[in-house]
Amino acid sequence: MNPYLQTARTWVEKTAVLLWASAITLVGILPLSNFVGHSHWEYIIWWPPVTAEEIYRTWLYVDIFGNIGLFLPLGVVLARRGLFGRKYPLVATISFALLLSASIEFYQVFCHNRHPTLLDLFNNVLGATLGHIIARRLPVLPFIGPLAPPPYSHPTGS
C-alpha cells in the first residue's frame, strides 16, 4: 500500500476514535451547567433495580439500550483499527471503555440532575465489548466496510 495513503488512513482511524469518544463524553456530561463543584455521593445508584416497580419502568430499558448502543460503535472502531496493537486487543478495548465510562460517571457525581450508576458503567463496557466482538467476527460490515476493513488485513491476503 502507498505509504502516503497508509499515513492518511492511520490519521483517519485515530480521528474516528477521538471523535466518537468525544461524542460519548459530551452525551455523558452535558449540560455543563449541571456541574456544581461539590460531590453528591448520595446520588449514586450503587445497585441495579431490584423491585418490580423499578424493573418495569420504561426509562430503565431506554437507558440500558442507549448506553450499549452508544459504546457499541466505539468497540467496532477500536477493533477494526487495531489502534492498540495486535496483543490483547479485546482487553485494550474493554480497558479504554471502562476508563472512559468511569470518568464520565465520576464527573456526574459533581453534577445536579445526574445520577451515576454502576449499571451504566457495566452497560457501557458491554456495548464496547459487543462492538469489538461483532467487528472481529464479521469480515465486512455494511456501511463502514470500505472505510474500516477487517483488522490487520493485507493486500496479499496474509
C-alpha atoms as a PDB file:
ATOM      1  CA  MET A   1       0.000   0.000   0.000  1.00  0.00           C
ATOM      2  CA  ASN A   2       1.135   3.516  -0.754  1.00  0.00           C
ATOM      3  CA  PRO A   3       2.866   4.944   2.370  1.00  0.00           C
ATOM      4  CA  TYR A   4       1.073   8.273   1.978  1.00  0.00           C
ATOM      5  CA  LEU A   5      -2.275   6.534   1.793  1.00  0.00           C
ATOM      6  CA  GLN A   6      -1.370   4.432   4.832  1.00  0.00           C
ATOM      7  CA  THR A   7      -0.438   7.583   6.798  1.00  0.00           C
ATOM      8  CA  ALA A   8      -3.680   9.305   5.821  1.00  0.00           C
ATOM      9  CA  ARG A   9      -5.650   6.205   6.739  1.00  0.00           C
ATOM     10  CA  THR A  10      -3.985   5.993  10.150  1.00  0.00           C
ATOM     11  CA  TRP A  11      -4.835   9.641  10.751  1.00  0.00           C
ATOM     12  CA  VAL A  12      -8.473   8.995   9.819  1.00  0.00           C
ATOM     13  CA  GLU A  13      -8.577   5.961  12.110  1.00  0.00           C
ATOM     14  CA  LYS A  14      -7.277   7.868  15.103  1.00  0.00           C
ATOM     15  CA  THR A  15      -9.581  10.785  14.352  1.00  0.00           C
ATOM     16  CA  ALA A  16     -12.601   8.457  14.229  1.00  0.00           C
ATOM     17  CA  VAL A  17     -11.792   7.088  17.686  1.00  0.00           C
ATOM     18  CA  LEU A  18     -11.205  10.580  19.054  1.00  0.00           C
ATOM     19  CA  LEU A  19     -14.437  11.956  17.583  1.00  0.00           C
ATOM     20  CA  TRP A  20     -16.589   9.068  18.820  1.00  0.00           C
ATOM     21  CA  ALA A  21     -15.007   9.181  22.288  1.00  0.00           C
ATOM     22  CA  SER A  22     -15.659  12.943  22.332  1.00  0.00           C
ATOM     23  CA  ALA A  23     -19.295  12.407  21.329  1.00  0.00           C
ATOM     24  CA  ILE A  24     -19.716   9.854  24.130  1.00  0.00           C
ATOM     25  CA  THR A  25     -18.142  12.265  26.601  1.00  0.00           C
ATOM     26  CA  LEU A  26     -20.448  15.097  25.557  1.00  0.00           C
ATOM     27  CA  VAL A  27     -23.516  12.891  25.931  1.00  0.00           C
ATOM     28  CA  GLY A  28     -22.357  12.000  29.440  1.00  0.00           C
ATOM     29  CA  ILE A  29     -21.505  15.467  30.724  1.00  0.00           C
ATOM     30  CA  LEU A  30     -23.910  17.879  29.046  1.00  0.00           C
ATOM     31  CA  PRO A  31     -25.365  20.257  30.036  1.00  0.00           C
ATOM     32  CA  LEU A  32     -22.290  21.750  31.657  1.00  0.00           C
ATOM     33  CA  SER A  33     -24.495  23.971  33.810  1.00  0.00           C
ATOM     34  CA  ASN A  34     -25.227  20.895  35.974  1.00  0.00           C
ATOM     35  CA  PHE A  35     -21.653  20.876  37.269  1.00  0.00           C
ATOM     36  CA  VAL A  36     -21.541  22.397  40.756  1.00  0.00           C
ATOM     37  CA  GLY A  37     -18.065  21.534  42.024  1.00  0.00           C
ATOM     38  CA  HIS A  38     -19.112  19.651  45.138  1.00  0.00           C
ATOM     39  CA  SER A  39     -19.856  15.968  45.285  1.00  0.00           C
ATOM     40  CA  HIS A  40     -23.232  14.288  45.531  1.00  0.00           C
ATOM     41  CA  TRP A  41     -22.299  10.795  46.635  1.00  0.00           C
ATOM     42  CA  GLU A  42     -25.883  10.259  47.732  1.00  0.00           C
ATOM     43  CA  TYR A  43     -26.978  10.448  44.057  1.00  0.00           C
ATOM     44  CA  ILE A  44     -25.020   7.338  43.079  1.00  0.00           C
ATOM     45  CA  ILE A  45     -27.200   4.342  42.353  1.00  0.00           C
ATOM     46  CA  TRP A  46     -24.972   1.514  43.550  1.00  0.00           C
ATOM     47  CA  TRP A  47     -27.275  -1.410  42.858  1.00  0.00           C
ATOM     48  CA  PRO A  48     -29.288  -2.251  39.759  1.00  0.00           C
ATOM     49  CA  PRO A  49     -33.070  -2.060  40.045  1.00  0.00           C
ATOM     50  CA  VAL A  50     -34.458  -4.947  42.075  1.00  0.00           C
ATOM     51  CA  THR A  51     -38.077  -4.121  42.817  1.00  0.00           C
ATOM     52  CA  ALA A  52     -40.816  -4.892  40.300  1.00  0.00           C
ATOM     53  CA  GLU A  53     -41.708  -1.197  40.100  1.00  0.00           C
ATOM     54  CA  GLU A  54     -38.156  -0.236  39.166  1.00  0.00           C
ATOM     55  CA  ILE A  55     -37.717  -3.101  36.715  1.00  0.00           C
ATOM     56  CA  TYR A  56     -40.865  -2.295  34.748  1.00  0.00           C
ATOM     57  CA  ARG A  57     -40.067   1.384  34.213  1.00  0.00           C
ATOM     58  CA  THR A  58     -39.542   2.242  30.570  1.00  0.00           C
ATOM     59  CA  TRP A  59     -36.624   4.598  31.266  1.00  0.00           C
ATOM     60  CA  LEU A  60     -34.582   1.695  32.594  1.00  0.00           C
ATOM     61  CA  TYR A  61     -34.608  -0.104  29.254  1.00  0.00           C
ATOM     62  CA  VAL A  62     -34.056   3.080  27.280  1.00  0.00           C
ATOM     63  CA  ASP A  63     -31.039   3.753  29.497  1.00  0.00           C
ATOM     64  CA  ILE A  64     -29.675   0.216  29.130  1.00  0.00           C
ATOM     65  CA  PHE A  65     -30.018   0.038  25.344  1.00  0.00           C
ATOM     66  CA  GLY A  66     -28.908   3.648  24.949  1.00  0.00           C
ATOM     67  CA  ASN A  67     -25.667   3.015  26.827  1.00  0.00           C
ATOM     68  CA  ILE A  68     -24.955  -0.193  24.947  1.00  0.00           C
ATOM     69  CA  GLY A  69     -25.764   1.494  21.629  1.00  0.00           C
ATOM     70  CA  LEU A  70     -23.572   4.480  22.405  1.00  0.00           C
ATOM     71  CA  PHE A  71     -20.485   2.399  23.153  1.00  0.00           C
ATOM     72  CA  LEU A  72     -21.023  -0.300  20.509  1.00  0.00           C
ATOM     73  CA  PRO A  73     -19.579   1.822  17.647  1.00  0.00           C
ATOM     74  CA  LEU A  74     -16.567   2.639  19.811  1.00  0.00           C
ATOM     75  CA  GLY A  75     -15.850  -1.074  20.153  1.00  0.00           C
ATOM     76  CA  VAL A  76     -16.263  -1.540  16.395  1.00  0.00           C
ATOM     77  CA  VAL A  77     -13.887   1.299  15.565  1.00  0.00           C
ATOM     78  CA  LEU A  78     -11.292   0.167  18.095  1.00  0.00           C
ATOM     79  CA  ALA A  79     -11.421  -3.428  16.853  1.00  0.00           C
ATOM     80  CA  ARG A  80     -11.332  -2.514  13.171  1.00  0.00           C
ATOM     81  CA  ARG A  81      -8.486  -0.119  13.578  1.00  0.00           C
ATOM     82  CA  GLY A  82      -6.266  -2.154  15.857  1.00  0.00           C
ATOM     83  CA  LEU A  83      -5.052   1.043  17.481  1.00  0.00           C
ATOM     84  CA  PHE A  84      -3.742  -0.816  20.488  1.00  0.00           C
ATOM     85  CA  GLY A  85      -1.683  -3.299  18.544  1.00  0.00           C
ATOM     86  CA  ARG A  86      -2.090  -6.992  17.977  1.00  0.00           C
ATOM     87  CA  LYS A  87      -1.542  -8.127  21.537  1.00  0.00           C
ATOM     88  CA  TYR A  88      -4.717  -8.401  23.636  1.00  0.00           C
ATOM     89  CA  PRO A  89      -6.947  -6.094  21.537  1.00  0.00           C
ATOM     90  CA  LEU A  90     -10.129  -7.061  23.407  1.00  0.00           C
ATOM     91  CA  VAL A  91      -8.556  -6.281  26.769  1.00  0.00           C
ATOM     92  CA  ALA A  92      -7.398  -2.923  25.424  1.00  0.00           C
ATOM     93  CA  THR A  93     -10.896  -2.111  24.128  1.00  0.00           C
ATOM     94  CA  ILE A  94     -12.504  -3.082  27.442  1.00  0.00           C
ATOM     95  CA  SER A  95      -9.931  -1.037  29.377  1.00  0.00           C
ATOM     96  CA  PHE A  96     -10.469   2.024  27.187  1.00  0.00           C
ATOM     97  CA  ALA A  97     -14.262   1.767  27.516  1.00  0.00           C
ATOM     98  CA  LEU A  98     -14.011   1.245  31.273  1.00  0.00           C
ATOM     99  CA  LEU A  99     -11.744   4.251  31.726  1.00  0.00           C
ATOM    100  CA  LEU A 100     -13.937   6.499  29.563  1.00  0.00           C
ATOM    101  CA  SER A 101     -17.155   5.366  31.234  1.00  0.00           C
ATOM    102  CA  ALA A 102     -15.753   5.609  34.775  1.00  0.00           C
ATOM    103  CA  SER A 103     -14.521   9.135  34.033  1.00  0.00           C
ATOM    104  CA  ILE A 104     -17.965  10.216  32.878  1.00  0.00           C
ATOM    105  CA  GLU A 105     -19.710   8.592  35.846  1.00  0.00           C
ATOM    106  CA  PHE A 106     -17.244  10.248  38.233  1.00  0.00           C
ATOM    107  CA  TYR A 107     -17.919  13.635  36.622  1.00  0.00           C
ATOM    108  CA  GLN A 108     -21.639  13.079  37.170  1.00  0.00           C
ATOM    109  CA  VAL A 109     -21.043  12.763  40.922  1.00  0.00           C
ATOM    110  CA  PHE A 110     -20.356  16.507  40.876  1.00  0.00           C
ATOM    111  CA  CYS A 111     -23.494  17.405  38.915  1.00  0.00           C
ATOM    112  CA  HIS A 112     -27.040  18.249  39.834  1.00  0.00           C
ATOM    113  CA  ASN A 113     -29.719  16.293  37.972  1.00  0.00           C
ATOM    114  CA  ARG A 114     -27.328  13.460  37.056  1.00  0.00           C
ATOM    115  CA  HIS A 115     -27.371  10.062  38.714  1.00  0.00           C
ATOM    116  CA  PRO A 116     -24.280   7.936  38.073  1.00  0.00           C
ATOM    117  CA  THR A 117     -24.904   4.203  38.267  1.00  0.00           C
ATOM    118  CA  LEU A 118     -22.823   1.067  38.195  1.00  0.00           C
ATOM    119  CA  LEU A 119     -25.354  -0.323  35.743  1.00  0.00           C
ATOM    120  CA  ASP A 120     -24.353   2.425  33.278  1.00  0.00           C
ATOM    121  CA  LEU A 121     -20.702   1.502  33.716  1.00  0.00           C
ATOM    122  CA  PHE A 122     -21.479  -2.163  33.066  1.00  0.00           C
ATOM    123  CA  ASN A 123     -23.642  -1.415  30.013  1.00  0.00           C
ATOM    124  CA  ASN A 124     -21.049   0.914  28.514  1.00  0.00           C
ATOM    125  CA  VAL A 125     -18.319  -1.710  28.769  1.00  0.00           C
ATOM    126  CA  LEU A 126     -20.725  -4.354  27.475  1.00  0.00           C
ATOM    127  CA  GLY A 127     -21.514  -2.191  24.447  1.00  0.00           C
ATOM    128  CA  ALA A 128     -17.848  -1.684  23.580  1.00  0.00           C
ATOM    129  CA  THR A 129     -17.160  -5.396  24.081  1.00  0.00           C
ATOM    130  CA  LEU A 130     -20.064  -6.411  21.833  1.00  0.00           C
ATOM    131  CA  GLY A 131     -18.906  -3.924  19.199  1.00  0.00           C
ATOM    132  CA  HIS A 132     -15.416  -5.357  19.332  1.00  0.00           C
ATOM    133  CA  ILE A 133     -16.681  -8.935  19.010  1.00  0.00           C
ATOM    134  CA  ILE A 134     -19.001  -8.043  16.122  1.00  0.00           C
ATOM    135  CA  ALA A 135     -16.202  -6.258  14.279  1.00  0.00           C
ATOM    136  CA  ARG A 136     -13.853  -9.212  14.719  1.00  0.00           C
ATOM    137  CA  ARG A 137     -16.409 -11.856  13.683  1.00  0.00           C
ATOM    138  CA  LEU A 138     -17.881 -10.199  10.604  1.00  0.00           C
ATOM    139  CA  PRO A 139     -15.495  -9.827   7.673  1.00  0.00           C
ATOM    140  CA  VAL A 140     -17.416  -6.932   6.127  1.00  0.00           C
ATOM    141  CA  LEU A 141     -19.748  -4.602   7.961  1.00  0.00           C
ATOM    142  CA  PRO A 142     -22.422  -2.779   5.945  1.00  0.00           C
ATOM    143  CA  PHE A 143     -21.906   0.971   5.537  1.00  0.00           C
ATOM    144  CA  ILE A 144     -18.435   1.012   7.108  1.00  0.00           C
ATOM    145  CA  GLY A 145     -16.830  -1.900   5.237  1.00  0.00           C
ATOM    146  CA  PRO A 146     -14.936   0.299   2.745  1.00  0.00           C
ATOM    147  CA  LEU A 147     -13.870   2.688   5.491  1.00  0.00           C
ATOM    148  CA  ALA A 148     -12.980   0.039   8.034  1.00  0.00           C
ATOM    149  CA  PRO A 149     -11.524  -3.146   6.560  1.00  0.00           C
ATOM    150  CA  PRO A 150     -11.121  -6.165   8.797  1.00  0.00           C
ATOM    151  CA  PRO A 151      -8.299  -5.762  11.293  1.00  0.00           C
ATOM    152  CA  TYR A 152      -4.781  -6.399  10.060  1.00  0.00           C
ATOM    153  CA  SER A 153      -5.891  -7.091   6.517  1.00  0.00           C
ATOM    154  CA  HIS A 154      -3.137  -7.144   3.979  1.00  0.00           C
ATOM    155  CA  PRO A 155      -3.474  -6.737   0.198  1.00  0.00           C
ATOM    156  CA  THR A 156      -1.724 -10.065  -0.374  1.00  0.00           C
ATOM    157  CA  GLY A 157      -4.144 -11.886   1.888  1.00  0.00           C
ATOM    158  CA  SER A 158      -1.606 -12.599   4.612  1.00  0.00           C
END
